[in-house]
All heavy atoms as atom14 arrays in JSON, in Angstrom:
{
  "sequence": "TATDKFAQKMNIPDFRASERWLQRFKNRHNIKNRKVCGESLSADT",
  "atom14_mask": [
    [1, 1, 1, 1, 1, 1, 1, 0, 0, 0, 0, 0, 0, 0],
    [1, 1, 1, 1, 1, 0, 0, 0, 0, 0, 0, 0, 0, 0],
    [1, 1, 1, 1, 1, 1, 1, 0, 0, 0, 0, 0, 0, 0],
    [1, 1, 1, 1, 1, 1, 1, 1, 0, 0, 0, 0, 0, 0],
    [1, 1, 1, 1, 1, 1, 1, 1, 1, 0, 0, 0, 0, 0],
    [1, 1, 1, 1, 1, 1, 1, 1, 1, 1, 1, 0, 0, 0],
    [1, 1, 1, 1, 1, 0, 0, 0, 0, 0, 0, 0, 0, 0],
    [1, 1, 1, 1, 1, 1, 1, 1, 1, 0, 0, 0, 0, 0],
    [1, 1, 1, 1, 1, 1, 1, 1, 1, 0, 0, 0, 0, 0],
    [1, 1, 1, 1, 1, 1, 1, 1, 0, 0, 0, 0, 0, 0],
    [1, 1, 1, 1, 1, 1, 1, 1, 0, 0, 0, 0, 0, 0],
    [1, 1, 1, 1, 1, 1, 1, 1, 0, 0, 0, 0, 0, 0],
    [1, 1, 1, 1, 1, 1, 1, 0, 0, 0, 0, 0, 0, 0],
    [1, 1, 1, 1, 1, 1, 1, 1, 0, 0, 0, 0, 0, 0],
    [1, 1, 1, 1, 1, 1, 1, 1, 1, 1, 1, 0, 0, 0],
    [1, 1, 1, 1, 1, 1, 1, 1, 1, 1, 1, 0, 0, 0],
    [1, 1, 1, 1, 1, 0, 0, 0, 0, 0, 0, 0, 0, 0],
    [1, 1, 1, 1, 1, 1, 0, 0, 0, 0, 0, 0, 0, 0],
    [1, 1, 1, 1, 1, 1, 1, 1, 1, 0, 0, 0, 0, 0],
    [1, 1, 1, 1, 1, 1, 1, 1, 1, 1, 1, 0, 0, 0],
    [1, 1, 1, 1, 1, 1, 1, 1, 1, 1, 1, 1, 1, 1],
    [1, 1, 1, 1, 1, 1, 1, 1, 0, 0, 0, 0, 0, 0],
    [1, 1, 1, 1, 1, 1, 1, 1, 1, 0, 0, 0, 0, 0],
    [1, 1, 1, 1, 1, 1, 1, 1, 1, 1, 1, 0, 0, 0],
    [1, 1, 1, 1, 1, 1, 1, 1, 1, 1, 1, 0, 0, 0],
    [1, 1, 1, 1, 1, 1, 1, 1, 1, 0, 0, 0, 0, 0],
    [1, 1, 1, 1, 1, 1, 1, 1, 0, 0, 0, 0, 0, 0],
    [1, 1, 1, 1, 1, 1, 1, 1, 1, 1, 1, 0, 0, 0],
    [1, 1, 1, 1, 1, 1, 1, 1, 1, 1, 0, 0, 0, 0],
    [1, 1, 1, 1, 1, 1, 1, 1, 0, 0, 0, 0, 0, 0],
    [1, 1, 1, 1, 1, 1, 1, 1, 0, 0, 0, 0, 0, 0],
    [1, 1, 1, 1, 1, 1, 1, 1, 1, 0, 0, 0, 0, 0],
    [1, 1, 1, 1, 1, 1, 1, 1, 0, 0, 0, 0, 0, 0],
    [1, 1, 1, 1, 1, 1, 1, 1, 1, 1, 1, 0, 0, 0],
    [1, 1, 1, 1, 1, 1, 1, 1, 1, 0, 0, 0, 0, 0],
    [1, 1, 1, 1, 1, 1, 1, 0, 0, 0, 0, 0, 0, 0],
    [1, 1, 1, 1, 1, 1, 0, 0, 0, 0, 0, 0, 0, 0],
    [1, 1, 1, 1, 0, 0, 0, 0, 0, 0, 0, 0, 0, 0],
    [1, 1, 1, 1, 1, 1, 1, 1, 1, 0, 0, 0, 0, 0],
    [1, 1, 1, 1, 1, 1, 0, 0, 0, 0, 0, 0, 0, 0],
    [1, 1, 1, 1, 1, 1, 1, 1, 0, 0, 0, 0, 0, 0],
    [1, 1, 1, 1, 1, 1, 0, 0, 0, 0, 0, 0, 0, 0],
    [1, 1, 1, 1, 1, 0, 0, 0, 0, 0, 0, 0, 0, 0],
    [1, 1, 1, 1, 1, 1, 1, 1, 0, 0, 0, 0, 0, 0],
    [1, 1, 1, 1, 1, 1, 1, 0, 0, 0, 0, 0, 0, 0]
  ],
  "atom14_positions": [
    [[-31.3, 29.17, -36.21], [-30.73, 28.23, -37.18], [-29.34, 28.67, -37.63], [-28.4, 27.86, -37.67], [-31.67, 28.1, -38.41], [-32.95, 27.66, -37.97], [-31.11, 27.13, -39.43], [0.0, 0.0, 0.0], [0.0, 0.0, 0.0], [0.0, 0.0, 0.0], [0.0, 0.0, 0.0], [0.0, 0.0, 0.0], [0.0, 0.0, 0.0], [0.0, 0.0, 0.0]],
    [[-29.2, 29.96, -37.94], [-27.9, 30.48, -38.37], [-26.88, 30.36, -37.24], [-25.7, 30.03, -37.48], [-28.04, 31.93, -38.82], [0.0, 0.0, 0.0], [0.0, 0.0, 0.0], [0.0, 0.0, 0.0], [0.0, 0.0, 0.0], [0.0, 0.0, 0.0], [0.0, 0.0, 0.0], [0.0, 0.0, 0.0], [0.0, 0.0, 0.0], [0.0, 0.0, 0.0]],
    [[-27.29, 30.6, -36.0], [-26.39, 30.51, -34.86], [-25.93, 29.07, -34.64], [-24.75, 28.82, -34.35], [-27.07, 31.06, -33.59], [-27.5, 32.4, -33.85], [-26.13, 31.05, -32.42], [0.0, 0.0, 0.0], [0.0, 0.0, 0.0], [0.0, 0.0, 0.0], [0.0, 0.0, 0.0], [0.0, 0.0, 0.0], [0.0, 0.0, 0.0], [0.0, 0.0, 0.0]],
    [[-26.86, 28.13, -34.77], [-26.48, 26.71, -34.64], [-25.46, 26.31, -35.71], [-24.48, 25.62, -35.42], [-27.72, 25.81, -34.73], [-28.56, 25.84, -33.46], [-28.0, 26.17, -32.38], [-29.76, 25.52, -33.54], [0.0, 0.0, 0.0], [0.0, 0.0, 0.0], [0.0, 0.0, 0.0], [0.0, 0.0, 0.0], [0.0, 0.0, 0.0], [0.0, 0.0, 0.0]],
    [[-25.67, 26.76, -36.95], [-24.71, 26.46, -38.03], [-23.36, 27.1, -37.75], [-22.31, 26.49, -37.98], [-25.25, 26.95, -39.38], [-26.39, 26.11, -39.91], [-26.88, 26.67, -41.24], [-28.07, 25.89, -41.74], [-28.6, 26.46, -42.98], [0.0, 0.0, 0.0], [0.0, 0.0, 0.0], [0.0, 0.0, 0.0], [0.0, 0.0, 0.0], [0.0, 0.0, 0.0]],
    [[-23.38, 28.33, -37.26], [-22.14, 29.04, -36.92], [-21.39, 28.3, -35.81], [-20.18, 28.14, -35.86], [-22.46, 30.47, -36.51], [-21.25, 31.32, -36.28], [-20.44, 31.71, -37.34], [-20.9, 31.73, -35.01], [-19.33, 32.5, -37.14], [-19.79, 32.51, -34.8], [-18.99, 32.9, -35.87], [0.0, 0.0, 0.0], [0.0, 0.0, 0.0], [0.0, 0.0, 0.0]],
    [[-22.11, 27.83, -34.8], [-21.49, 27.09, -33.69], [-20.84, 25.8, -34.2], [-19.76, 25.43, -33.74], [-22.53, 26.79, -32.61], [0.0, 0.0, 0.0], [0.0, 0.0, 0.0], [0.0, 0.0, 0.0], [0.0, 0.0, 0.0], [0.0, 0.0, 0.0], [0.0, 0.0, 0.0], [0.0, 0.0, 0.0], [0.0, 0.0, 0.0], [0.0, 0.0, 0.0]],
    [[-21.49, 25.12, -35.15], [-20.91, 23.9, -35.72], [-19.61, 24.21, -36.46], [-18.62, 23.5, -36.33], [-21.89, 23.23, -36.68], [-23.03, 22.52, -36.0], [-24.02, 21.94, -37.0], [-23.95, 22.22, -38.2], [-24.96, 21.15, -36.49], [0.0, 0.0, 0.0], [0.0, 0.0, 0.0], [0.0, 0.0, 0.0], [0.0, 0.0, 0.0], [0.0, 0.0, 0.0]],
    [[-19.62, 25.31, -37.23], [-18.42, 25.7, -37.97], [-17.29, 26.1, -37.03], [-16.11, 25.97, -37.36], [-18.72, 26.84, -38.94], [-19.52, 26.4, -40.13], [-19.74, 27.54, -41.1], [-20.53, 27.05, -42.29], [-20.75, 28.09, -43.29], [0.0, 0.0, 0.0], [0.0, 0.0, 0.0], [0.0, 0.0, 0.0], [0.0, 0.0, 0.0], [0.0, 0.0, 0.0]],
    [[-17.65, 26.63, -35.86], [-16.65, 27.04, -34.86], [-16.25, 25.87, -33.94], [-15.55, 26.08, -32.97], [-17.2, 28.19, -34.02], [-17.48, 29.45, -34.81], [-16.0, 30.23, -35.45], [-15.21, 30.75, -33.96], [0.0, 0.0, 0.0], [0.0, 0.0, 0.0], [0.0, 0.0, 0.0], [0.0, 0.0, 0.0], [0.0, 0.0, 0.0], [0.0, 0.0, 0.0]],
    [[-16.74, 24.66, -34.27], [-16.44, 23.45, -33.48], [-16.87, 23.6, -32.02], [-16.11, 23.28, -31.1], [-14.97, 23.08, -33.59], [-14.61, 22.62, -34.99], [-15.4, 21.95, -35.64], [-13.43, 23.0, -35.44], [0.0, 0.0, 0.0], [0.0, 0.0, 0.0], [0.0, 0.0, 0.0], [0.0, 0.0, 0.0], [0.0, 0.0, 0.0], [0.0, 0.0, 0.0]],
    [[-18.09, 24.08, -31.81], [-18.69, 24.14, -30.47], [-19.87, 23.16, -30.49], [-21.01, 23.54, -30.75], [-19.17, 25.58, -30.14], [-18.04, 26.58, -30.37], [-19.69, 25.65, -28.7], [-18.47, 28.02, -30.25], [0.0, 0.0, 0.0], [0.0, 0.0, 0.0], [0.0, 0.0, 0.0], [0.0, 0.0, 0.0], [0.0, 0.0, 0.0], [0.0, 0.0, 0.0]],
    [[-19.62, 21.88, -30.23], [-20.63, 20.84, -30.44], [-21.8, 20.88, -29.44], [-22.9, 20.46, -29.78], [-19.84, 19.55, -30.29], [-18.67, 19.89, -29.45], [-18.35, 21.33, -29.75], [0.0, 0.0, 0.0], [0.0, 0.0, 0.0], [0.0, 0.0, 0.0], [0.0, 0.0, 0.0], [0.0, 0.0, 0.0], [0.0, 0.0, 0.0], [0.0, 0.0, 0.0]],
    [[-21.59, 21.37, -28.23], [-22.66, 21.3, -27.22], [-23.54, 22.55, -27.17], [-24.39, 22.67, -26.31], [-22.05, 21.04, -25.84], [-21.03, 22.09, -25.45], [-20.47, 22.73, -26.36], [-20.79, 22.27, -24.24], [0.0, 0.0, 0.0], [0.0, 0.0, 0.0], [0.0, 0.0, 0.0], [0.0, 0.0, 0.0], [0.0, 0.0, 0.0], [0.0, 0.0, 0.0]],
    [[-23.38, 23.47, -28.13], [-24.19, 24.7, -28.14], [-25.48, 24.48, -28.92], [-25.48, 23.92, -30.0], [-23.41, 25.86, -28.77], [-24.23, 27.11, -28.87], [-24.37, 27.96, -27.78], [-24.89, 27.43, -30.04], [-25.14, 29.1, -27.87], [-25.66, 28.59, -30.14], [-25.78, 29.42, -29.05], [0.0, 0.0, 0.0], [0.0, 0.0, 0.0], [0.0, 0.0, 0.0]],
    [[-26.6, 24.91, -28.36], [-27.9, 24.92, -29.05], [-28.56, 26.26, -28.79], [-28.71, 26.68, -27.65], [-28.83, 23.81, -28.55], [-28.37, 22.41, -28.87], [-28.52, 22.13, -30.38], [-27.86, 20.88, -30.71], [-26.7, 20.79, -31.35], [-26.06, 21.87, -31.72], [-26.17, 19.63, -31.63], [0.0, 0.0, 0.0], [0.0, 0.0, 0.0], [0.0, 0.0, 0.0]],
    [[-28.99, 26.92, -29.85], [-29.67, 28.21, -29.72], [-31.12, 27.95, -29.33], [-31.96, 27.66, -30.15], [-29.59, 28.98, -31.03], [0.0, 0.0, 0.0], [0.0, 0.0, 0.0], [0.0, 0.0, 0.0], [0.0, 0.0, 0.0], [0.0, 0.0, 0.0], [0.0, 0.0, 0.0], [0.0, 0.0, 0.0], [0.0, 0.0, 0.0], [0.0, 0.0, 0.0]],
    [[-31.42, 28.09, -28.05], [-32.77, 27.86, -27.53], [-33.56, 29.17, -27.53], [-33.03, 30.24, -27.82], [-32.69, 27.31, -26.12], [-32.11, 28.3, -25.27], [0.0, 0.0, 0.0], [0.0, 0.0, 0.0], [0.0, 0.0, 0.0], [0.0, 0.0, 0.0], [0.0, 0.0, 0.0], [0.0, 0.0, 0.0], [0.0, 0.0, 0.0], [0.0, 0.0, 0.0]],
    [[-34.84, 29.08, -27.18], [-35.67, 30.29, -27.05], [-35.1, 31.2, -25.97], [-35.09, 32.41, -26.11], [-37.12, 29.92, -26.71], [-37.93, 29.47, -27.89], [-38.1, 30.55, -28.95], [-38.33, 31.73, -28.6], [-38.0, 30.21, -30.14], [0.0, 0.0, 0.0], [0.0, 0.0, 0.0], [0.0, 0.0, 0.0], [0.0, 0.0, 0.0], [0.0, 0.0, 0.0]],
    [[-34.64, 30.61, -24.87], [-34.07, 31.4, -23.77], [-32.79, 32.11, -24.24], [-32.57, 33.28, -23.94], [-33.78, 30.49, -22.58], [-33.37, 31.25, -21.35], [-33.47, 30.35, -20.12], [-33.14, 31.13, -18.95], [-32.0, 31.05, -18.28], [-31.1, 30.17, -18.64], [-31.77, 31.81, -17.24], [0.0, 0.0, 0.0], [0.0, 0.0, 0.0], [0.0, 0.0, 0.0]],
    [[-31.94, 31.38, -24.99], [-30.73, 31.99, -25.54], [-31.11, 33.17, -26.45], [-30.51, 34.24, -26.38], [-29.91, 30.97, -26.33], [-28.73, 31.61, -27.01], [-27.49, 31.82, -26.49], [-28.73, 32.19, -28.32], [-26.71, 32.5, -27.4], [-27.45, 32.74, -28.53], [-29.67, 32.31, -29.33], [-27.09, 33.37, -29.71], [-29.32, 32.95, -30.51], [-28.04, 33.47, -30.69]],
    [[-32.11, 32.97, -27.32], [-32.53, 34.01, -28.25], [-33.03, 35.24, -27.49], [-32.69, 36.37, -27.84], [-33.62, 33.49, -29.18], [-34.17, 34.49, -30.19], [-33.08, 34.97, -31.14], [-35.33, 33.88, -30.97], [0.0, 0.0, 0.0], [0.0, 0.0, 0.0], [0.0, 0.0, 0.0], [0.0, 0.0, 0.0], [0.0, 0.0, 0.0], [0.0, 0.0, 0.0]],
    [[-33.81, 35.02, -26.43], [-34.33, 36.15, -25.65], [-33.19, 36.95, -25.01], [-33.19, 38.18, -25.04], [-35.3, 35.64, -24.57], [-36.16, 36.72, -23.98], [-37.01, 37.42, -25.03], [-37.62, 36.8, -25.88], [-37.04, 38.73, -25.0], [0.0, 0.0, 0.0], [0.0, 0.0, 0.0], [0.0, 0.0, 0.0], [0.0, 0.0, 0.0], [0.0, 0.0, 0.0]],
    [[-32.2, 36.25, -24.44], [-31.06, 36.95, -23.84], [-30.25, 37.69, -24.91], [-29.78, 38.8, -24.68], [-30.16, 35.95, -23.08], [-30.81, 35.44, -21.8], [-29.85, 34.68, -20.89], [-28.89, 33.83, -21.59], [-29.01, 32.52, -21.75], [-30.04, 31.87, -21.25], [-28.08, 31.84, -22.38], [0.0, 0.0, 0.0], [0.0, 0.0, 0.0], [0.0, 0.0, 0.0]],
    [[-30.07, 37.06, -26.09], [-29.36, 37.69, -27.2], [-30.06, 38.99, -27.61], [-29.42, 40.03, -27.8], [-29.28, 36.71, -28.38], [-28.63, 37.28, -29.61], [-27.26, 37.33, -29.74], [-29.42, 37.78, -30.66], [-26.66, 37.86, -30.88], [-28.84, 38.3, -31.79], [-27.45, 38.34, -31.91], [0.0, 0.0, 0.0], [0.0, 0.0, 0.0], [0.0, 0.0, 0.0]],
    [[-31.39, 38.93, -27.77], [-32.15, 40.12, -28.17], [-32.05, 41.22, -27.1], [-31.89, 42.39, -27.43], [-33.61, 39.76, -28.43], [-33.78, 38.91, -29.67], [-35.21, 38.7, -30.13], [-36.18, 38.28, -29.09], [-37.51, 37.93, -29.61], [0.0, 0.0, 0.0], [0.0, 0.0, 0.0], [0.0, 0.0, 0.0], [0.0, 0.0, 0.0], [0.0, 0.0, 0.0]],
    [[-32.12, 40.85, -25.83], [-31.99, 41.84, -24.75], [-30.6, 42.48, -24.74], [-30.46, 43.68, -24.59], [-32.3, 41.22, -23.4], [-33.77, 40.92, -23.22], [-34.62, 41.49, -23.91], [-34.08, 40.0, -22.33], [0.0, 0.0, 0.0], [0.0, 0.0, 0.0], [0.0, 0.0, 0.0], [0.0, 0.0, 0.0], [0.0, 0.0, 0.0], [0.0, 0.0, 0.0]],
    [[-29.57, 41.64, -24.89], [-28.2, 42.12, -24.84], [-27.9, 43.1, -25.99], [-27.18, 44.07, -25.82], [-27.24, 40.92, -24.91], [-25.77, 41.24, -24.8], [-24.87, 40.01, -24.64], [-25.18, 38.89, -25.47], [-25.75, 37.74, -25.05], [-26.07, 37.58, -23.78], [-25.99, 36.75, -25.89], [0.0, 0.0, 0.0], [0.0, 0.0, 0.0], [0.0, 0.0, 0.0]],
    [[-28.49, 42.85, -27.15], [-28.2, 43.68, -28.33], [-29.34, 44.66, -28.65], [-29.35, 45.25, -29.72], [-27.9, 42.8, -29.54], [-26.65, 42.0, -29.37], [-25.4, 42.56, -29.46], [-26.46, 40.7, -29.06], [-24.48, 41.63, -29.24], [-25.1, 40.49, -28.99], [0.0, 0.0, 0.0], [0.0, 0.0, 0.0], [0.0, 0.0, 0.0], [0.0, 0.0, 0.0]],
    [[-30.26, 44.81, -27.71], [-31.35, 45.79, -27.84], [-32.15, 45.56, -29.13], [-32.4, 46.47, -29.91], [-30.79, 47.21, -27.81], [-31.83, 48.2, -27.35], [-32.84, 47.83, -26.75], [-31.6, 49.47, -27.63], [0.0, 0.0, 0.0], [0.0, 0.0, 0.0], [0.0, 0.0, 0.0], [0.0, 0.0, 0.0], [0.0, 0.0, 0.0], [0.0, 0.0, 0.0]],
    [[-32.56, 44.31, -29.36], [-33.32, 43.92, -30.55], [-34.75, 43.61, -30.13], [-34.99, 42.93, -29.14], [-32.68, 42.69, -31.23], [-31.3, 43.05, -31.76], [-33.57, 42.17, -32.35], [-30.51, 41.88, -32.28], [0.0, 0.0, 0.0], [0.0, 0.0, 0.0], [0.0, 0.0, 0.0], [0.0, 0.0, 0.0], [0.0, 0.0, 0.0], [0.0, 0.0, 0.0]],
    [[-35.71, 44.1, -30.93], [-37.11, 43.89, -30.63], [-37.85, 43.55, -31.92], [-37.43, 43.95, -33.01], [-37.7, 45.17, -30.01], [-39.07, 44.99, -29.44], [-39.5, 46.24, -28.7], [-40.88, 46.0, -28.13], [-41.39, 47.13, -27.42], [0.0, 0.0, 0.0], [0.0, 0.0, 0.0], [0.0, 0.0, 0.0], [0.0, 0.0, 0.0], [0.0, 0.0, 0.0]],
    [[-38.96, 42.84, -31.81], [-39.78, 42.5, -32.97], [-40.5, 43.75, -33.46], [-41.2, 44.4, -32.7], [-40.79, 41.42, -32.56], [-41.41, 40.73, -33.74], [-40.83, 40.73, -34.82], [-42.57, 40.15, -33.56], [0.0, 0.0, 0.0], [0.0, 0.0, 0.0], [0.0, 0.0, 0.0], [0.0, 0.0, 0.0], [0.0, 0.0, 0.0], [0.0, 0.0, 0.0]],
    [[-40.32, 44.12, -34.71], [-40.92, 45.31, -35.28], [-41.68, 44.96, -36.55], [-41.29, 44.08, -37.31], [-39.86, 46.36, -35.63], [-39.19, 46.96, -34.44], [-40.17, 47.84, -33.73], [-39.49, 48.56, -32.67], [-40.12, 49.11, -31.67], [-41.42, 49.02, -31.57], [-39.46, 49.75, -30.74], [0.0, 0.0, 0.0], [0.0, 0.0, 0.0], [0.0, 0.0, 0.0]],
    [[-42.75, 45.7, -36.81], [-43.54, 45.52, -38.01], [-42.83, 46.2, -39.18], [-42.35, 47.32, -39.06], [-44.92, 46.13, -37.82], [-45.85, 45.96, -39.0], [-47.24, 46.37, -38.6], [-48.23, 46.33, -39.74], [-48.17, 45.27, -40.65], [0.0, 0.0, 0.0], [0.0, 0.0, 0.0], [0.0, 0.0, 0.0], [0.0, 0.0, 0.0], [0.0, 0.0, 0.0]],
    [[-42.77, 45.51, -40.33], [-42.25, 46.1, -41.55], [-43.33, 47.02, -42.08], [-44.46, 46.6, -42.3], [-41.89, 45.02, -42.59], [-41.44, 45.64, -43.89], [-40.81, 44.11, -42.03], [0.0, 0.0, 0.0], [0.0, 0.0, 0.0], [0.0, 0.0, 0.0], [0.0, 0.0, 0.0], [0.0, 0.0, 0.0], [0.0, 0.0, 0.0], [0.0, 0.0, 0.0]],
    [[-43.01, 48.28, -42.26], [-44.01, 49.3, -42.58], [-44.2, 49.48, -44.07], [-43.35, 50.05, -44.75], [-43.62, 50.65, -41.96], [-43.44, 50.56, -40.19], [0.0, 0.0, 0.0], [0.0, 0.0, 0.0], [0.0, 0.0, 0.0], [0.0, 0.0, 0.0], [0.0, 0.0, 0.0], [0.0, 0.0, 0.0], [0.0, 0.0, 0.0], [0.0, 0.0, 0.0]],
    [[-45.31, 49.03, -44.57], [-45.75, 49.33, -45.92], [-44.77, 48.99, -47.01], [-44.02, 48.03, -46.91], [0.0, 0.0, 0.0], [0.0, 0.0, 0.0], [0.0, 0.0, 0.0], [0.0, 0.0, 0.0], [0.0, 0.0, 0.0], [0.0, 0.0, 0.0], [0.0, 0.0, 0.0], [0.0, 0.0, 0.0], [0.0, 0.0, 0.0], [0.0, 0.0, 0.0]],
    [[-44.79, 49.8, -48.03], [-43.99, 49.57, -49.22], [-43.17, 50.8, -49.54], [-42.92, 51.13, -50.69], [-44.92, 49.23, -50.38], [-45.78, 48.01, -50.12], [-46.91, 47.86, -51.13], [-47.13, 48.77, -51.94], [-47.57, 46.84, -51.08], [0.0, 0.0, 0.0], [0.0, 0.0, 0.0], [0.0, 0.0, 0.0], [0.0, 0.0, 0.0], [0.0, 0.0, 0.0]],
    [[-42.71, 51.5, -48.51], [-42.05, 52.8, -48.7], [-40.82, 52.73, -49.59], [-40.51, 53.69, -50.28], [-41.69, 53.42, -47.35], [-40.8, 52.59, -46.64], [0.0, 0.0, 0.0], [0.0, 0.0, 0.0], [0.0, 0.0, 0.0], [0.0, 0.0, 0.0], [0.0, 0.0, 0.0], [0.0, 0.0, 0.0], [0.0, 0.0, 0.0], [0.0, 0.0, 0.0]],
    [[-40.12, 51.62, -49.6], [-38.93, 51.52, -50.44], [-39.28, 51.27, -51.9], [-38.42, 51.37, -52.77], [-38.01, 50.41, -49.92], [-37.46, 50.62, -48.51], [-36.6, 49.44, -48.1], [-36.66, 51.91, -48.43], [0.0, 0.0, 0.0], [0.0, 0.0, 0.0], [0.0, 0.0, 0.0], [0.0, 0.0, 0.0], [0.0, 0.0, 0.0], [0.0, 0.0, 0.0]],
    [[-40.55, 50.96, -52.2], [-40.98, 50.72, -53.58], [-41.7, 51.92, -54.18], [-42.06, 51.9, -55.34], [-41.94, 49.52, -53.62], [-41.3, 48.37, -53.13], [0.0, 0.0, 0.0], [0.0, 0.0, 0.0], [0.0, 0.0, 0.0], [0.0, 0.0, 0.0], [0.0, 0.0, 0.0], [0.0, 0.0, 0.0], [0.0, 0.0, 0.0], [0.0, 0.0, 0.0]],
    [[-41.95, 52.96, -53.41], [-42.76, 54.1, -53.86], [-41.98, 55.03, -54.79], [-40.79, 55.23, -54.62], [-43.25, 54.9, -52.66], [0.0, 0.0, 0.0], [0.0, 0.0, 0.0], [0.0, 0.0, 0.0], [0.0, 0.0, 0.0], [0.0, 0.0, 0.0], [0.0, 0.0, 0.0], [0.0, 0.0, 0.0], [0.0, 0.0, 0.0], [0.0, 0.0, 0.0]],
    [[-42.68, 55.6, -55.75], [-42.11, 56.59, -56.67], [-42.41, 57.98, -56.11], [-43.41, 58.6, -56.47], [-42.72, 56.42, -58.06], [-42.21, 57.45, -59.06], [-41.21, 58.13, -58.75], [-42.81, 57.57, -60.13], [0.0, 0.0, 0.0], [0.0, 0.0, 0.0], [0.0, 0.0, 0.0], [0.0, 0.0, 0.0], [0.0, 0.0, 0.0], [0.0, 0.0, 0.0]],
    [[-41.57, 58.47, -55.21], [-41.82, 59.73, -54.52], [-41.58, 60.94, -55.41], [-42.1, 62.02, -55.13], [-40.93, 59.84, -53.27], [-39.57, 59.67, -53.64], [-41.31, 58.78, -52.25], [0.0, 0.0, 0.0], [0.0, 0.0, 0.0], [0.0, 0.0, 0.0], [0.0, 0.0, 0.0], [0.0, 0.0, 0.0], [0.0, 0.0, 0.0], [0.0, 0.0, 0.0]]
  ]
}
């Protein structure tokens, strides 16, 4: 959604961020789905 809005602002009317585009983007930038672990940032250590 953010990429589609960015493309509109950049006047690129024929661009659509598809699932295939997202997969290639994640591979290119070494991004993977990760689990958010617990509440470690809220703990009183």
